Protein backbone atom coordinates (compact mmCIF):
# COMPACT_ATOMS: atom_id res chain seq x y z
CA MET A 1 -2.16 1.23 -9.29
CA ALA A 2 0.04 1.78 -6.07
CA LEU A 3 -1.42 4.05 -3.40
CA MET A 4 0.26 7.11 -1.95
CA ILE A 5 0.29 9.14 1.03
CA THR A 6 -0.55 12.91 0.87
CA ASP A 7 0.77 15.88 2.97
CA GLU A 8 -2.44 15.62 4.90
CA CYS A 9 -0.97 12.70 6.86
CA ILE A 10 -1.45 12.98 10.61
CA ASN A 11 1.10 10.64 11.57
CA CYS A 12 -1.31 8.38 13.27
CA ASP A 13 0.39 4.87 12.79
CA VAL A 14 -2.88 3.27 11.75
CA CYS A 15 -2.24 2.66 8.30
CA GLU A 16 1.24 0.50 9.04
CA PRO A 17 0.14 -2.25 10.77
CA GLU A 18 -2.69 -2.61 8.16
CA CYS A 19 -0.69 -3.29 5.27
CA PRO A 20 -0.46 -6.81 4.94
CA ASN A 21 2.61 -6.30 2.17
CA GLN A 22 4.68 -4.25 4.30
CA ALA A 23 4.57 -1.63 1.90
CA ILE A 24 4.12 1.57 4.39
CA SER A 25 7.10 2.61 6.47
CA LEU A 26 7.50 5.84 8.25
CA GLY A 27 9.17 8.48 5.97
CA GLU A 28 11.16 11.69 6.58
CA LYS A 29 8.24 13.50 7.38
CA ILE A 30 5.31 11.01 6.62
CA TYR A 31 4.10 7.76 6.10
CA GLU A 32 5.21 7.03 2.97
CA ILE A 33 3.85 3.90 0.57
CA ASP A 34 6.44 1.71 -1.14
CA PRO A 35 5.14 1.38 -5.33
CA ALA A 36 6.95 -1.61 -6.15
CA LYS A 37 5.17 -3.55 -2.66
CA CYS A 38 1.69 -2.03 -2.74
CA THR A 39 -0.86 -4.45 -4.47
CA GLU A 40 -4.01 -2.15 -2.87
CA CYS A 41 -4.62 -5.31 -1.10
CA VAL A 42 -5.08 -7.37 -4.18
CA GLY A 43 -4.56 -11.42 -3.36
CA HIS A 44 -5.22 -10.15 0.65
CA PHE A 45 -8.75 -8.27 0.81
CA ASP A 46 -11.47 -6.77 -1.20
CA GLU A 47 -10.50 -3.05 -0.43
CA PRO A 48 -7.11 -1.53 0.13
CA GLN A 49 -6.76 -1.82 4.17
CA CYS A 50 -4.87 1.14 4.56
CA MET A 51 -7.44 3.18 3.22
CA GLN A 52 -10.49 1.63 5.11
CA VAL A 53 -8.72 2.86 8.36
CA CYS A 54 -7.48 6.18 7.58
CA PRO A 55 -9.17 8.91 9.94
CA VAL A 56 -8.06 11.77 7.42
CA SER A 57 -8.51 10.12 3.87
CA CYS A 58 -5.11 10.98 2.57
CA ILE A 59 -4.55 7.93 0.67
CA PRO A 60 -5.56 8.17 -2.71
CA VAL A 61 -4.19 6.03 -6.05
CA ASP A 62 -0.67 7.36 -6.69
CA PRO A 63 -1.38 8.61 -10.67
CA HIS A 64 2.51 8.10 -11.16
CA HIS A 65 2.29 4.14 -10.65
CA VAL A 66 -0.76 3.16 -12.58
CA GLU A 67 -1.33 -0.47 -12.69
CA SER A 68 -4.50 -2.95 -13.68
CA ARG A 69 -5.77 -5.55 -11.81
CA GLU A 70 -3.94 -8.15 -13.30
CA THR A 71 -0.68 -6.21 -13.14
CA LEU A 72 -1.38 -6.05 -9.32
CA TRP A 73 -2.49 -9.54 -9.05
CA GLN A 74 1.15 -10.72 -10.64
CA LYS A 75 2.68 -8.19 -8.35
CA PHE A 76 1.16 -10.15 -5.54
CA GLN A 77 2.10 -13.29 -6.65
CA ARG A 78 6.12 -12.28 -6.93
CA LEU A 79 5.84 -10.60 -3.32
CA GLN A 80 4.49 -14.07 -2.28
CA GLN A 81 7.44 -16.25 -3.58
CA SER A 82 9.89 -13.98 -2.35
CA VAL A 83 8.14 -13.95 0.87
CA ARG A 84 8.69 -18.08 0.95
CA ILE A 85 12.28 -17.94 -0.38
CA ASP A 86 13.24 -15.43 2.22
């Protein structure tokens, strides 16, 4: 499952630097999470770091991008390979 940032986001800037996959960026109005890069921190941490630091708890699971832990692990491995190639 990828995560998403809801409209309750206050643009506090604490989530973006915590993302090990650089999946979080400032969108038009609030921060956004790229589901193609979000692994819920699988491969890096036990818990999603953005959720841990969010002061308003506006980062739930994105119901449109439901993925198993195995799928998240595979995505993590693909992302790591592309980092090595770049």
